[in-house]
């Protein structure tokens, strides 16, 4: 199974992750997210793009289903490797420069994955 980065977005530090979902939300399908995305803004952004938001619920929510959350976690686990390898700190001041740097890091990640999954055939003749 191959996991590549399709979209990246950088937001200021005072913007919650759920507010940035509208920048990276796919046009259809399901979104398996962590507890930061179980709010109204994330649900609205997913509904606007016709996506099903399957976010893990916070512990203090009334309709929390631990079995369902465990199932969501198992589905999310292979994808978390992609994000765990990224640096969480930024190098530059300003959103535009950091957006470009993050975009280039995503391209490098995808190229490394491509080289590891499909190594080129070198013929020395």
Protein backbone atom coordinates (compact mmCIF):
# COMPACT_ATOMS: atom_id res chain seq x y z
CA UNK A 1 0.00 0.00 0.00
CA UNK A 2 1.36 3.41 -0.92
CA UNK A 3 0.56 6.57 0.97
CA UNK A 4 1.47 9.86 -0.66
CA UNK A 5 0.83 13.43 0.37
CA UNK A 6 -1.77 14.96 -1.96
CA UNK A 7 -2.43 18.35 -0.37
CA UNK A 8 -0.61 20.52 2.15
CA UNK A 9 -1.60 23.74 3.87
CA UNK A 10 0.06 25.93 6.46
CA UNK A 11 -1.98 28.11 8.80
CA UNK A 12 -0.90 30.54 11.51
CA UNK A 13 -0.39 29.07 14.97
CA UNK A 14 -3.52 30.75 16.32
CA UNK A 15 -5.76 28.85 13.87
CA UNK A 16 -7.02 25.44 15.08
CA UNK A 17 -6.47 22.39 12.88
CA UNK A 18 -10.21 21.99 12.35
CA UNK A 19 -10.39 25.45 10.74
CA UNK A 20 -7.66 24.47 8.28
CA UNK A 21 -9.53 21.36 7.14
CA UNK A 22 -11.25 23.36 4.40
CA UNK A 23 -7.84 23.83 2.73
CA UNK A 24 -6.98 20.13 2.47
CA UNK A 25 -10.40 18.44 2.43
CA UNK A 26 -10.85 16.07 -0.53
CA UNK A 27 -13.77 16.52 -2.92
CA UNK A 28 -15.38 13.24 -1.84
CA UNK A 29 -14.86 10.20 0.37
CA UNK A 30 -14.24 9.78 4.07
CA UNK A 31 -11.95 11.66 6.43
CA UNK A 32 -10.59 9.71 9.40
CA UNK A 33 -9.36 12.32 11.85
CA UNK A 34 -8.27 12.72 15.45
CA UNK A 35 -10.02 14.51 18.32
CA UNK A 36 -9.14 17.96 17.00
CA UNK A 37 -11.62 17.57 14.15
CA UNK A 38 -14.80 16.60 16.00
CA UNK A 39 -16.17 20.16 16.17
CA UNK A 40 -18.82 21.97 14.13
CA UNK A 41 -16.42 23.77 11.78
CA UNK A 42 -14.79 20.52 10.68
CA UNK A 43 -18.18 18.88 10.16
CA UNK A 44 -19.33 21.85 8.07
CA UNK A 45 -16.17 21.83 5.96
CA UNK A 46 -16.53 18.08 5.29
CA UNK A 47 -20.24 18.37 4.50
CA UNK A 48 -19.56 21.22 2.09
CA UNK A 49 -17.18 18.98 0.12
CA UNK A 50 -19.55 15.99 0.39
CA UNK A 51 -17.23 13.99 2.64
CA UNK A 52 -18.00 11.76 5.60
CA UNK A 53 -16.11 12.97 8.67
CA UNK A 54 -15.15 10.02 10.86
CA UNK A 55 -13.43 11.81 13.72
CA UNK A 56 -12.55 10.23 17.05
CA UNK A 57 -14.74 11.78 19.73
CA UNK A 58 -13.40 13.55 22.79
CA UNK A 59 -13.70 11.73 26.12
CA UNK A 60 -16.25 14.19 27.53
CA UNK A 61 -18.71 13.88 24.61
CA UNK A 62 -22.04 12.26 25.37
CA UNK A 63 -22.27 10.10 22.24
CA UNK A 64 -18.70 8.70 22.46
CA UNK A 65 -18.45 5.12 21.24
CA UNK A 66 -15.12 3.57 22.27
CA UNK A 67 -15.47 0.60 19.92
CA UNK A 68 -16.06 2.88 16.95
CA UNK A 69 -13.14 5.10 17.96
CA UNK A 70 -10.88 2.03 18.23
CA UNK A 71 -11.93 1.01 14.71
CA UNK A 72 -11.20 4.53 13.38
CA UNK A 73 -7.77 4.39 15.04
CA UNK A 74 -6.92 1.12 13.27
CA UNK A 75 -7.85 2.64 9.92
CA UNK A 76 -5.81 5.80 10.61
CA UNK A 77 -2.69 3.99 11.86
CA UNK A 78 -0.93 3.40 8.48
CA UNK A 79 -1.45 7.04 7.47
CA UNK A 80 0.01 8.43 10.69
CA UNK A 81 3.49 7.35 9.57
CA UNK A 82 3.40 10.00 6.86
CA UNK A 83 2.79 12.78 9.37
CA UNK A 84 5.02 11.45 12.13
CA UNK A 85 8.10 11.91 9.94
CA UNK A 86 7.48 15.59 9.33
CA UNK A 87 9.12 18.33 11.33
CA UNK A 88 6.58 20.19 13.48
CA UNK A 89 8.62 23.38 13.71
CA UNK A 90 8.88 26.00 10.99
CA UNK A 91 12.05 27.59 9.72
CA UNK A 92 10.81 30.90 8.32
CA UNK A 93 8.70 33.83 9.48
CA UNK A 94 5.45 34.16 7.54
CA UNK A 95 2.87 31.79 6.17
CA UNK A 96 3.87 32.04 2.50
CA UNK A 97 7.50 30.98 3.02
CA UNK A 98 6.50 28.14 5.32
CA UNK A 99 3.79 27.01 2.88
CA UNK A 100 6.41 26.77 0.14
CA UNK A 101 8.83 24.89 2.41
CA UNK A 102 6.11 22.44 3.45
CA UNK A 103 5.10 21.94 -0.18
CA UNK A 104 8.71 21.12 -1.11
CA UNK A 105 9.01 18.70 1.84
CA UNK A 106 5.86 16.93 0.63
CA UNK A 107 7.32 16.61 -2.87
CA UNK A 108 10.55 15.19 -1.43
CA UNK A 109 8.61 12.71 0.70
CA UNK A 110 6.64 11.52 -2.32
CA UNK A 111 9.80 11.17 -4.43
CA UNK A 112 11.53 9.16 -1.68
CA UNK A 113 8.50 6.88 -1.43
CA UNK A 114 8.45 6.45 -5.22
CA UNK A 115 12.13 5.54 -5.30
CA UNK A 116 11.71 3.06 -2.44
CA UNK A 117 8.59 1.41 -3.87
CA UNK A 118 9.65 1.34 -7.52
CA UNK A 119 13.46 1.40 -7.74
CA UNK A 120 14.80 2.22 -11.20
CA UNK A 121 16.31 -0.60 -13.24
CA UNK A 122 19.94 0.32 -13.91
CA UNK A 123 21.50 -1.46 -16.86
CA UNK A 124 25.20 -0.92 -17.37
CA UNK A 125 25.76 -2.08 -20.91
